[in-house]
C-alpha atoms as a PDB file:
ATOM      1  CA  MET A   1      72.578  -2.995 152.932  1.00  0.00           C
ATOM      2  CA  CYS A   2      71.942  -0.385 150.217  1.00  0.00           C
ATOM      3  CA  LEU A   3      73.586  -1.086 146.860  1.00  0.00           C
ATOM      4  CA  GLY A   4      74.840   1.675 144.574  1.00  0.00           C
ATOM      5  CA  LEU A   5      73.780   1.177 140.962  1.00  0.00           C
ATOM      6  CA  PRO A   6      75.354   2.465 137.729  1.00  0.00           C
ATOM      7  CA  MET A   7      72.814   4.487 135.750  1.00  0.00           C
ATOM      8  CA  ARG A   8      72.986   6.643 132.604  1.00  0.00           C
ATOM      9  CA  VAL A   9      72.018  10.312 132.499  1.00  0.00           C
ATOM     10  CA  VAL A  10      69.128  10.960 130.102  1.00  0.00           C
ATOM     11  CA  SER A  11      68.601  14.656 130.832  1.00  0.00           C
ATOM     12  CA  GLY A  12      69.091  17.150 133.629  1.00  0.00           C
ATOM     13  CA  ASN A  13      71.175  19.934 135.097  1.00  0.00           C
ATOM     14  CA  GLU A  14      73.549  20.562 138.028  1.00  0.00           C
ATOM     15  CA  TYR A  15      70.749  20.030 140.541  1.00  0.00           C
ATOM     16  CA  SER A  16      68.838  16.964 139.309  1.00  0.00           C
ATOM     17  CA  ALA A  17      68.750  14.571 136.390  1.00  0.00           C
ATOM     18  CA  VAL A  18      66.683  11.799 134.883  1.00  0.00           C
ATOM     19  CA  VAL A  19      68.739   8.590 134.841  1.00  0.00           C
ATOM     20  CA  GLU A  20      68.017   5.097 133.565  1.00  0.00           C
ATOM     21  CA  ARG A  21      69.228   1.533 133.868  1.00  0.00           C
ATOM     22  CA  GLY A  22      67.514  -1.029 131.700  1.00  0.00           C
ATOM     23  CA  ASP A  23      63.770  -0.454 132.004  1.00  0.00           C
ATOM     24  CA  GLU A  24      64.118   1.611 135.193  1.00  0.00           C
ATOM     25  CA  ARG A  25      64.054   5.390 134.967  1.00  0.00           C
ATOM     26  CA  ARG A  26      64.069   7.853 137.890  1.00  0.00           C
ATOM     27  CA  THR A  27      64.970  11.393 138.905  1.00  0.00           C
ATOM     28  CA  VAL A  28      67.996  11.748 141.188  1.00  0.00           C
ATOM     29  CA  SER A  29      69.876  14.575 142.879  1.00  0.00           C
ATOM     30  CA  MET A  30      73.068  15.735 141.115  1.00  0.00           C
ATOM     31  CA  MET A  31      74.190  18.021 143.950  1.00  0.00           C
ATOM     32  CA  LEU A  32      77.271  15.895 144.747  1.00  0.00           C
ATOM     33  CA  VAL A  33      78.596  15.577 141.176  1.00  0.00           C
ATOM     34  CA  GLY A  34      77.217  18.565 139.267  1.00  0.00           C
ATOM     35  CA  GLU A  35      75.964  18.642 135.697  1.00  0.00           C
ATOM     36  CA  VAL A  36      77.325  15.947 133.358  1.00  0.00           C
ATOM     37  CA  PRO A  37      76.760  15.209 129.638  1.00  0.00           C
ATOM     38  CA  VAL A  38      73.854  13.027 128.559  1.00  0.00           C
ATOM     39  CA  GLY A  39      74.933   9.378 128.435  1.00  0.00           C
ATOM     40  CA  THR A  40      77.406   9.701 131.313  1.00  0.00           C
ATOM     41  CA  ALA A  41      77.387   6.819 133.788  1.00  0.00           C
ATOM     42  CA  VAL A  42      76.919   7.800 137.436  1.00  0.00           C
ATOM     43  CA  LEU A  43      76.802   5.729 140.604  1.00  0.00           C
ATOM     44  CA  VAL A  44      73.370   6.188 142.207  1.00  0.00           C
ATOM     45  CA  HIS A  45      72.896   5.510 145.919  1.00  0.00           C
ATOM     46  CA  ILE A  46      69.294   5.780 147.114  1.00  0.00           C
ATOM     47  CA  ASN A  47      68.207   8.843 145.094  1.00  0.00           C
ATOM     48  CA  SER A  48      71.509  10.677 144.713  1.00  0.00           C
ATOM     49  CA  ALA A  49      74.291  10.448 142.132  1.00  0.00           C
ATOM     50  CA  VAL A  50      77.385  10.141 144.330  1.00  0.00           C
ATOM     51  CA  ARG A  51      80.116   9.698 141.727  1.00  0.00           C
ATOM     52  CA  VAL A  52      80.776   9.920 137.983  1.00  0.00           C
ATOM     53  CA  LEU A  53      81.888   6.530 136.665  1.00  0.00           C
ATOM     54  CA  GLU A  54      84.485   5.748 134.042  1.00  0.00           C
ATOM     55  CA  GLU A  55      83.124   3.512 131.293  1.00  0.00           C
ATOM     56  CA  ASP A  56      85.115   0.472 132.425  1.00  0.00           C
ATOM     57  CA  GLU A  57      83.944   0.993 136.013  1.00  0.00           C
ATOM     58  CA  ALA A  58      80.303   0.994 134.920  1.00  0.00           C
ATOM     59  CA  VAL A  59      80.821  -2.212 132.927  1.00  0.00           C
ATOM     60  CA  ASP A  60      82.580  -3.931 135.846  1.00  0.00           C
ATOM     61  CA  ILE A  61      79.843  -2.960 138.310  1.00  0.00           C
ATOM     62  CA  GLU A  62      77.141  -4.190 135.950  1.00  0.00           C
ATOM     63  CA  GLY A  63      79.071  -7.459 135.645  1.00  0.00           C
ATOM     64  CA  ALA A  64      79.333  -7.779 139.415  1.00  0.00           C
ATOM     65  CA  ILE A  65      75.581  -7.190 139.847  1.00  0.00           C
ATOM     66  CA  ALA A  66      74.827  -9.791 137.183  1.00  0.00           C
ATOM     67  CA  GLY A  67      77.196 -12.148 138.998  1.00  0.00           C
ATOM     68  CA  LEU A  68      75.303 -11.673 142.268  1.00  0.00           C
ATOM     69  CA  GLU A  69      72.030 -12.433 140.497  1.00  0.00           C
ATOM     70  CA  ALA A  70      73.575 -15.543 138.911  1.00  0.00           C
ATOM     71  CA  SER A  71      74.879 -16.663 142.305  1.00  0.00           C
ATOM     72  CA  ALA A  72      71.368 -16.371 143.762  1.00  0.00           C
ATOM     73  CA  ARG A  73      70.178 -18.697 140.991  1.00  0.00           C
ATOM     74  CA  GLY A  74      72.967 -21.167 141.795  1.00  0.00           C
ATOM     75  CA  GLU A  75      74.827 -20.568 138.521  1.00  0.00           C
ATOM     76  CA  PRO A  76      78.642 -20.218 137.996  1.00  0.00           C
ATOM     77  CA  VAL A  77      79.806 -16.618 138.491  1.00  0.00           C
ATOM     78  CA  ASP A  78      83.515 -16.499 137.521  1.00  0.00           C
ATOM     79  CA  ALA A  79      82.871 -15.002 134.098  1.00  0.00           C
ATOM     80  CA  TYR A  80      80.883 -12.092 135.562  1.00  0.00           C
ATOM     81  CA  PHE A  81      83.772 -10.952 137.746  1.00  0.00           C
ATOM     82  CA  ALA A  82      86.557 -11.269 135.157  1.00  0.00           C
ATOM     83  CA  GLY A  83      86.818  -7.492 134.664  1.00  0.00           C
ATOM     84  CA  LEU A  84      87.017  -6.802 138.384  1.00  0.00           C
ATOM     85  CA  VAL A  85      89.669  -9.478 138.895  1.00  0.00           C
ATOM     86  CA  ALA A  86      91.767  -8.111 136.023  1.00  0.00           C
ATOM     87  CA  SER A  87      91.520  -4.519 137.275  1.00  0.00           C
ATOM     88  CA  GLU A  88      92.429  -5.613 140.804  1.00  0.00           C
ATOM     89  CA  ARG A  89      95.630  -7.115 139.447  1.00  0.00           C
ATOM     90  CA  VAL A  90      96.542  -3.798 137.867  1.00  0.00           C
ATOM     91  CA  VAL A  91      95.506  -1.495 140.741  1.00  0.00           C
ATOM     92  CA  ALA A  92      97.021  -3.081 143.816  1.00  0.00           C
ATOM     93  CA  THR A  93      99.087  -0.392 145.543  1.00  0.00           C
ATOM     94  CA  PRO A  94      98.244   0.356 149.197  1.00  0.00           C
ATOM     95  CA  VAL A  95      97.864   4.060 148.410  1.00  0.00           C
ATOM     96  CA  ASP A  96      95.317   3.411 145.634  1.00  0.00           C
ATOM     97  CA  ALA A  97      93.408   0.948 147.809  1.00  0.00           C
ATOM     98  CA  LEU A  98      93.263   3.420 150.710  1.00  0.00           C
ATOM     99  CA  ALA A  99      92.159   6.274 148.437  1.00  0.00           C
ATOM    100  CA  ALA A 100      89.336   4.105 147.083  1.00  0.00           C
ATOM    101  CA  ARG A 101      88.190   3.178 150.598  1.00  0.00           C
ATOM    102  CA  LEU A 102      88.259   6.808 151.744  1.00  0.00           C
ATOM    103  CA  ARG A 103      86.317   7.958 148.700  1.00  0.00           C
ATOM    104  CA  ALA A 104      83.659   5.269 149.124  1.00  0.00           C
ATOM    105  CA  ALA A 105      83.324   5.957 152.843  1.00  0.00           C
ATOM    106  CA  TYR A 106      82.838   9.706 152.410  1.00  0.00           C
ATOM    107  CA  GLU A 107      80.463   9.214 149.480  1.00  0.00           C
ATOM    108  CA  ALA A 108      78.273   7.178 151.826  1.00  0.00           C
ATOM    109  CA  VAL A 109      78.488   9.906 154.482  1.00  0.00           C
ATOM    110  CA  ALA A 110      77.642  12.563 151.872  1.00  0.00           C
ATOM    111  CA  VAL A 111      74.325  10.878 151.120  1.00  0.00           C
ATOM    112  CA  GLN A 112      73.349  11.139 154.790  1.00  0.00           C
ATOM    113  CA  MET A 113      74.459  14.802 155.006  1.00  0.00           C
ATOM    114  CA  GLU A 114      72.742  16.033 151.862  1.00  0.00           C
ATOM    115  CA  GLY A 115      70.714  19.176 152.509  1.00  0.00           C
ATOM    116  CA  LEU A 116      72.412  20.148 155.764  1.00  0.00           C
ATOM    117  CA  PRO A 117      73.459  23.826 156.061  1.00  0.00           C
ATOM    118  CA  ILE A 118      77.130  22.881 156.513  1.00  0.00           C
ATOM    119  CA  VAL A 119      77.207  21.219 153.070  1.00  0.00           C
ATOM    120  CA  ASN A 120      78.331  23.185 149.996  1.00  0.00           C
ATOM    121  CA  PRO A 121      76.290  21.620 147.150  1.00  0.00           C
ATOM    122  CA  ARG A 122      78.781  22.873 144.556  1.00  0.00           C
ATOM    123  CA  LEU A 123      81.470  20.472 145.830  1.00  0.00           C
ATOM    124  CA  GLY A 124      82.032  16.726 145.644  1.00  0.00           C
ATOM    125  CA  ILE A 125      84.358  14.133 147.144  1.00  0.00           C
ATOM    126  CA  GLU A 126      88.048  13.979 146.203  1.00  0.00           C
ATOM    127  CA  VAL A 127      91.031  12.181 147.735  1.00  0.00           C
ATOM    128  CA  LEU A 128      94.420  13.497 146.655  1.00  0.00           C
ATOM    129  CA  ALA A 129      98.164  13.624 147.323  1.00  0.00           C
ATOM    130  CA  PHE A 130      98.206  10.505 149.511  1.00  0.00           C
ATOM    131  CA  GLN A 131     101.608   8.989 150.133  1.00  0.00           C
ATOM    132  CA  GLU A 132     103.376   6.782 152.635  1.00  0.00           C
ATOM    133  CA  TRP A 133     104.289   8.769 155.742  1.00  0.00           C
ATOM    134  CA  ASN A 134     105.743   7.651 159.092  1.00  0.00           C
ATOM    135  CA  GLY A 135     104.699   4.066 158.483  1.00  0.00           C
ATOM    136  CA  GLY A 136     101.144   5.069 157.579  1.00  0.00           C
ATOM    137  CA  HIS A 137      99.609   7.192 154.825  1.00  0.00           C
ATOM    138  CA  ALA A 138      98.878  10.917 154.698  1.00  0.00           C
ATOM    139  CA  GLY A 139      97.099  13.144 152.217  1.00  0.00           C
ATOM    140  CA  LEU A 140      94.118  15.446 151.748  1.00  0.00           C
ATOM    141  CA  VAL A 141      90.393  14.826 151.445  1.00  0.00           C
ATOM    142  CA  ILE A 142      87.853  17.272 150.018  1.00  0.00           C
ATOM    143  CA  THR A 143      84.174  16.881 150.884  1.00  0.00           C
ATOM    144  CA  PRO A 144      81.265  19.325 150.574  1.00  0.00           C
ATOM    145  CA  TRP A 145      81.682  20.096 154.294  1.00  0.00           C
ATOM    146  CA  PHE A 146      85.464  20.050 154.939  1.00  0.00           C
ATOM    147  CA  LEU A 147      88.988  20.078 153.560  1.00  0.00           C
ATOM    148  CA  ASN A 148      91.181  17.999 155.879  1.00  0.00           C
ATOM    149  CA  VAL A 149      94.657  16.567 156.093  1.00  0.00           C
ATOM    150  CA  ILE A 150      94.147  12.862 156.861  1.00  0.00           C
ATOM    151  CA  PHE A 151      96.645  10.485 158.443  1.00  0.00           C
ATOM    152  CA  VAL A 152      95.867   6.756 158.504  1.00  0.00           C
ATOM    153  CA  PRO A 153      98.246   4.981 160.902  1.00  0.00           C
ATOM    154  CA  PRO A 154      99.824   1.645 160.001  1.00  0.00           C
ATOM    155  CA  VAL A 155      97.889  -1.548 160.690  1.00  0.00           C
ATOM    156  CA  GLY A 156      98.449  -2.774 164.229  1.00  0.00           C
ATOM    157  CA  THR A 157      98.952   0.674 165.751  1.00  0.00           C
ATOM    158  CA  PRO A 158      97.179   0.955 169.126  1.00  0.00           C
ATOM    159  CA  GLU A 159      93.925   2.841 168.581  1.00  0.00           C
ATOM    160  CA  PHE A 160      93.368   6.067 170.517  1.00  0.00           C
ATOM    161  CA  ALA A 161      89.965   6.956 171.919  1.00  0.00           C
ATOM    162  CA  PRO A 162      87.974   9.075 169.424  1.00  0.00           C
ATOM    163  CA  GLY A 163      88.607  12.777 169.946  1.00  0.00           C
ATOM    164  CA  THR A 164      92.194  12.364 171.164  1.00  0.00           C
ATOM    165  CA  ARG A 165      94.515  15.150 169.983  1.00  0.00           C
ATOM    166  CA  VAL A 166      97.756  13.879 168.425  1.00  0.00           C
ATOM    167  CA  PRO A 167     100.612  16.111 167.140  1.00  0.00           C
ATOM    168  CA  ARG A 168     102.232  14.956 163.890  1.00  0.00           C
ATOM    169  CA  GLU A 169     105.427  16.261 162.316  1.00  0.00           C
ATOM    170  CA  PHE A 170     105.472  17.056 158.592  1.00  0.00           C
ATOM    171  CA  PRO A 171     108.088  18.775 156.426  1.00  0.00           C
ATOM    172  CA  ALA A 172     106.033  21.953 156.761  1.00  0.00           C
ATOM    173  CA  GLY A 173     106.034  21.663 160.557  1.00  0.00           C
ATOM    174  CA  ARG A 174     103.846  20.264 163.328  1.00  0.00           C
ATOM    175  CA  LEU A 175     100.098  19.890 162.938  1.00  0.00           C
ATOM    176  CA  GLU A 176      97.556  18.712 165.495  1.00  0.00           C
ATOM    177  CA  PHE A 177      95.251  15.855 164.507  1.00  0.00           C
ATOM    178  CA  VAL A 178      92.089  14.498 166.111  1.00  0.00           C
ATOM    179  CA  THR A 179      91.505  10.743 166.158  1.00  0.00           C
ATOM    180  CA  SER A 180      88.341   9.036 164.874  1.00  0.00           C
ATOM    181  CA  HIS A 181      87.113   5.801 163.328  1.00  0.00           C
ATOM    182  CA  LEU A 182      85.619   5.808 159.821  1.00  0.00           C
ATOM    183  CA  ASP A 183      83.528   2.863 158.638  1.00  0.00           C
ATOM    184  CA  GLY A 184      85.299   1.119 155.772  1.00  0.00           C
ATOM    185  CA  VAL A 185      88.651   2.694 156.647  1.00  0.00           C
ATOM    186  CA  GLY A 186      89.250   2.130 160.367  1.00  0.00           C
ATOM    187  CA  PRO A 187      91.273   4.282 162.782  1.00  0.00           C
ATOM    188  CA  MET A 188      92.343   7.599 161.305  1.00  0.00           C
ATOM    189  CA  GLU A 189      93.352  11.116 162.281  1.00  0.00           C
ATOM    190  CA  SER A 190      92.124  14.419 160.832  1.00  0.00           C
ATOM    191  CA  CYS A 191      93.514  17.947 160.816  1.00  0.00           C
ATOM    192  CA  SER A 192      90.790  20.367 159.733  1.00  0.00           C
ATOM    193  CA  LEU A 193      91.938  23.054 157.301  1.00  0.00           C
ATOM    194  CA  PHE A 194      88.587  24.410 156.129  1.00  0.00           C
ATOM    195  CA  SER A 195      85.109  23.753 157.511  1.00  0.00           C
ATOM    196  CA  PRO A 196      82.533  24.646 156.411  1.00  0.00           C
ATOM    197  CA  MET A 197      83.383  25.016 152.731  1.00  0.00           C
ATOM    198  CA  ASN A 198      81.027  27.811 151.779  1.00  0.00           C
ATOM    199  CA  GLU A 199      83.822  30.112 150.591  1.00  0.00           C
ATOM    200  CA  PHE A 200      84.680  27.747 147.716  1.00  0.00           C
ATOM    201  CA  ARG A 201      82.851  28.675 144.528  1.00  0.00           C
ATOM    202  CA  ASP A 202      83.187  25.275 142.810  1.00  0.00           C
ATOM    203  CA  MET A 203      85.160  22.016 142.769  1.00  0.00           C
ATOM    204  CA  PRO A 204      88.051  23.312 140.615  1.00  0.00           C
ATOM    205  CA  HIS A 205      88.550  26.100 143.166  1.00  0.00           C
ATOM    206  CA  ALA A 206      88.670  23.590 146.047  1.00  0.00           C
ATOM    207  CA  LEU A 207      91.055  21.333 144.118  1.00  0.00           C
ATOM    208  CA  GLU A 208      93.387  24.231 143.378  1.00  0.00           C
ATOM    209  CA  VAL A 209      93.650  25.160 147.055  1.00  0.00           C
ATOM    210  CA  ALA A 210      93.993  21.508 148.134  1.00  0.00           C
ATOM    211  CA  ARG A 211      96.833  20.838 145.693  1.00  0.00           C
ATOM    212  CA  ASP A 212      98.678  23.935 146.873  1.00  0.00           C
ATOM    213  CA  ALA A 213      98.129  22.887 150.489  1.00  0.00           C
ATOM    214  CA  ALA A 214      99.472  19.403 149.744  1.00  0.00           C
ATOM    215  CA  GLN A 215     102.587  20.880 148.166  1.00  0.00           C
ATOM    216  CA  ALA A 216     103.095  23.133 151.185  1.00  0.00           C
ATOM    217  CA  LEU A 217     102.448  20.255 153.603  1.00  0.00           C
ATOM    218  CA  PHE A 218     105.174  18.038 152.196  1.00  0.00           C
ATOM    219  CA  THR A 219     107.678  20.828 151.479  1.00  0.00           C
ATOM    220  CA  PRO A 220     110.089  21.786 154.299  1.00  0.00           C
ATOM    221  CA  ALA A 221     109.469  25.253 155.697  1.00  0.00           C
ATOM    222  CA  PRO A 222     112.161  27.791 154.771  1.00  0.00           C
ATOM    223  CA  VAL A 223     114.846  28.274 157.403  1.00  0.00           C
ATOM    224  CA  SER A 224     115.372  31.898 158.447  1.00  0.00           C
ATOM    225  CA  VAL A 225     118.974  33.066 158.523  1.00  0.00           C
ATOM    226  CA  ALA A 226     120.090  35.393 161.316  1.00  0.00           C
ATOM    227  CA  ALA A 227     121.294  38.794 160.240  1.00  0.00           C
ATOM    228  CA  SER A 228     124.519  38.384 162.211  1.00  0.00           C
ATOM    229  CA  THR A 229     126.673  35.291 162.557  1.00  0.00           C
ATOM    230  CA  GLU A 230     128.830  36.661 165.375  1.00  0.00           C
ATOM    231  CA  PRO A 231     128.786  34.473 168.488  1.00  0.00           C
ATOM    232  CA  ALA A 232     126.767  35.713 171.420  1.00  0.00           C
ATOM    233  CA  PRO A 233     128.739  37.029 174.413  1.00  0.00           C
ATOM    234  CA  PRO A 234     129.243  34.485 177.189  1.00  0.00           C
ATOM    235  CA  THR A 235     126.858  34.532 180.107  1.00  0.00           C
ATOM    236  CA  THR A 236     127.022  33.059 183.567  1.00  0.00           C
ATOM    237  CA  THR A 237     123.253  32.677 183.870  1.00  0.00           C
ATOM    238  CA  PRO A 238     121.851  29.398 182.477  1.00  0.00           C
ATOM    239  CA  THR A 239     119.231  29.995 179.815  1.00  0.00           C
ATOM    240  CA  THR A 240     116.761  27.747 178.105  1.00  0.00           C
ATOM    241  CA  THR A 241     115.455  28.063 174.578  1.00  0.00           C
ATOM    242  CA  PRO A 242     111.677  27.786 174.438  1.00  0.00           C
ATOM    243  CA  ASP A 243     110.243  25.256 172.027  1.00  0.00           C
ATOM    244  CA  ALA A 244     109.357  26.787 168.688  1.00  0.00           C
ATOM    245  CA  GLU A 245     105.657  27.374 168.335  1.00  0.00           C
ATOM    246  CA  PRO A 246     104.186  24.819 165.899  1.00  0.00           C
ATOM    247  CA  PRO A 247     102.805  26.333 162.689  1.00  0.00           C
ATOM    248  CA  SER A 248      99.066  26.857 162.722  1.00  0.00           C
ATOM    249  CA  ARG A 249      96.729  25.380 160.140  1.00  0.00           C
ATOM    250  CA  ARG A 250      96.183  28.820 158.681  1.00  0.00           C
ATOM    251  CA  ALA A 251      99.946  29.288 158.408  1.00  0.00           C
ATOM    252  CA  LEU A 252     100.015  26.174 156.250  1.00  0.00           C
ATOM    253  CA  PHE A 253      97.414  27.707 153.990  1.00  0.00           C
ATOM    254  CA  ARG A 254      99.248  31.017 153.812  1.00  0.00           C
ATOM    255  CA  ARG A 255     102.211  29.020 152.512  1.00  0.00           C
ATOM    256  CA  ALA A 256      99.940  27.154 150.112  1.00  0.00           C
ATOM    257  CA  LEU A 257      98.433  30.342 148.736  1.00  0.00           C
ATOM    258  CA  SER A 258     101.890  31.858 148.350  1.00  0.00           C
ATOM    259  CA  LEU A 259     102.776  29.068 145.898  1.00  0.00           C
ATOM    260  CA  ARG A 260     100.295  30.323 143.326  1.00  0.00           C
END
């Protein structure tokens, strides 16, 4: 198992930086997080900074690592994990827990995908707008290679074979999802909105579009009103009304862009 370590930026730019932790100093890729001020704590996995850390996060992770080292020596460890236990008591909602698992899972995937042509190095990982939906949770995930609507079904739901297409109803209309299994998260469904992400100039641009898409996703589509309310003349021939065509993914984004 590879362990991510909190390290401090000593110098660098948006592409690489010199980071240190104790007596260790190394050069790492900053392609997933961009340029950050000197002294900023980042989570380093292998030789890539995968996430910017808040100060309390860095302290808690350092405490947890020290606790693991103490455990290996056979010493008591409770004091080392006090910060993590306290923060877990504060952050305990299912939505927050799921968002953290999704972020960690895609950060691990991002390390493996670094350098591939499909990856936009100007973007990072973000999980946003998740909420309870139809017994599960739905929201959006930004990565350097896609912007997707994600639905995580409730625990105990029968798992479909990967690649199964599943229609889901949202206030904006019907979207088609594809099933998969993500390590650290479990069964999930994805509706691709953008992939690859080369047309996004930076992370603020991707976040702006994603927030607008989330608003459009959870906002009921406007109902068109017929020009005439007069009843139709009677007919003796039975007729059937075809099912309305579900809105396309691009239609969702046209609605999102119209909100700006």
